[in-house]
Amino acid sequence: MRIYELELKTIKPRPPLTLAQARIQGLKNVVDRDKQQLHNERERQRQQREHEQKLL
């Protein structure tokens, strides 16, 4: 991209979410956070098992 192309593009602000949209977005965020926590816990337990196997 050239400099003049960057100057022409403006970032438009997003309108505020409606109450229903905000609720759905919040629920999606909770799902994503819980999936990440589950993944982290499984990884922690897997590493703990590997560590215990090395000790035996």
C-alpha atoms as a PDB file:
ATOM      1  CA  MET A   1       0.000   0.000   0.000  1.00  0.00           C
ATOM      2  CA  ARG A   2       1.066   3.494  -0.634  1.00  0.00           C
ATOM      3  CA  ILE A   3       0.827   6.338   1.823  1.00  0.00           C
ATOM      4  CA  TYR A   4      -1.990   8.057  -0.025  1.00  0.00           C
ATOM      5  CA  GLU A   5      -4.003   4.817   0.067  1.00  0.00           C
ATOM      6  CA  LEU A   6      -3.661   4.646   3.834  1.00  0.00           C
ATOM      7  CA  GLU A   7      -4.767   8.236   4.274  1.00  0.00           C
ATOM      8  CA  LEU A   8      -8.007   7.648   2.375  1.00  0.00           C
ATOM      9  CA  LYS A   9      -9.147   4.761   4.557  1.00  0.00           C
ATOM     10  CA  THR A  10     -10.812   5.888   7.740  1.00  0.00           C
ATOM     11  CA  ILE A  11     -11.836   3.760  10.666  1.00  0.00           C
ATOM     12  CA  LYS A  12     -15.527   4.078  11.273  1.00  0.00           C
ATOM     13  CA  PRO A  13     -16.711   3.785  14.860  1.00  0.00           C
ATOM     14  CA  ARG A  14     -18.990   0.879  15.620  1.00  0.00           C
ATOM     15  CA  PRO A  15     -22.425   1.738  16.909  1.00  0.00           C
ATOM     16  CA  PRO A  16     -23.160   0.652  20.483  1.00  0.00           C
ATOM     17  CA  LEU A  17     -24.592  -2.824  20.914  1.00  0.00           C
ATOM     18  CA  THR A  18     -28.227  -3.273  21.742  1.00  0.00           C
ATOM     19  CA  LEU A  19     -29.068  -4.969  25.021  1.00  0.00           C
ATOM     20  CA  ALA A  20     -29.748  -8.279  23.256  1.00  0.00           C
ATOM     21  CA  GLN A  21     -26.525  -8.082  21.246  1.00  0.00           C
ATOM     22  CA  ALA A  22     -24.511  -7.240  24.359  1.00  0.00           C
ATOM     23  CA  ARG A  23     -26.018 -10.213  26.186  1.00  0.00           C
ATOM     24  CA  ILE A  24     -25.150 -12.589  23.338  1.00  0.00           C
ATOM     25  CA  GLN A  25     -21.622 -11.179  23.117  1.00  0.00           C
ATOM     26  CA  GLY A  26     -21.182 -11.619  26.863  1.00  0.00           C
ATOM     27  CA  LEU A  27     -22.310 -15.243  26.675  1.00  0.00           C
ATOM     28  CA  LYS A  28     -19.904 -15.905  23.803  1.00  0.00           C
ATOM     29  CA  ASN A  29     -17.085 -14.396  25.837  1.00  0.00           C
ATOM     30  CA  VAL A  30     -17.938 -16.683  28.768  1.00  0.00           C
ATOM     31  CA  VAL A  31     -17.894 -19.735  26.486  1.00  0.00           C
ATOM     32  CA  ASP A  32     -14.529 -18.748  25.025  1.00  0.00           C
ATOM     33  CA  ARG A  33     -13.058 -18.124  28.488  1.00  0.00           C
ATOM     34  CA  ASP A  34     -14.351 -21.456  29.810  1.00  0.00           C
ATOM     35  CA  LYS A  35     -12.951 -23.339  26.801  1.00  0.00           C
ATOM     36  CA  GLN A  36      -9.563 -21.764  27.424  1.00  0.00           C
ATOM     37  CA  GLN A  37      -9.683 -22.671  31.127  1.00  0.00           C
ATOM     38  CA  LEU A  38     -10.582 -26.268  30.260  1.00  0.00           C
ATOM     39  CA  HIS A  39      -7.714 -26.469  27.782  1.00  0.00           C
ATOM     40  CA  ASN A  40      -5.275 -25.049  30.342  1.00  0.00           C
ATOM     41  CA  GLU A  41      -6.406 -27.486  33.033  1.00  0.00           C
ATOM     42  CA  ARG A  42      -6.072 -30.475  30.716  1.00  0.00           C
ATOM     43  CA  GLU A  43      -2.602 -29.317  29.693  1.00  0.00           C
ATOM     44  CA  ARG A  44      -1.598 -28.882  33.352  1.00  0.00           C
ATOM     45  CA  GLN A  45      -2.807 -32.392  34.214  1.00  0.00           C
ATOM     46  CA  ARG A  46      -1.042 -33.858  31.168  1.00  0.00           C
ATOM     47  CA  GLN A  47       2.244 -32.233  32.201  1.00  0.00           C
ATOM     48  CA  GLN A  48       1.780 -33.448  35.760  1.00  0.00           C
ATOM     49  CA  ARG A  49       1.276 -37.034  34.528  1.00  0.00           C
ATOM     50  CA  GLU A  50       4.386 -36.816  32.355  1.00  0.00           C
ATOM     51  CA  HIS A  51       6.380 -35.479  35.282  1.00  0.00           C
ATOM     52  CA  GLU A  52       5.178 -38.325  37.527  1.00  0.00           C
ATOM     53  CA  GLN A  53       6.073 -40.880  34.813  1.00  0.00           C
ATOM     54  CA  LYS A  54       9.627 -39.522  34.674  1.00  0.00           C
ATOM     55  CA  LEU A  55       9.999 -39.981  38.429  1.00  0.00           C
ATOM     56  CA  LEU A  56       9.083 -43.666  38.229  1.00  0.00           C
END
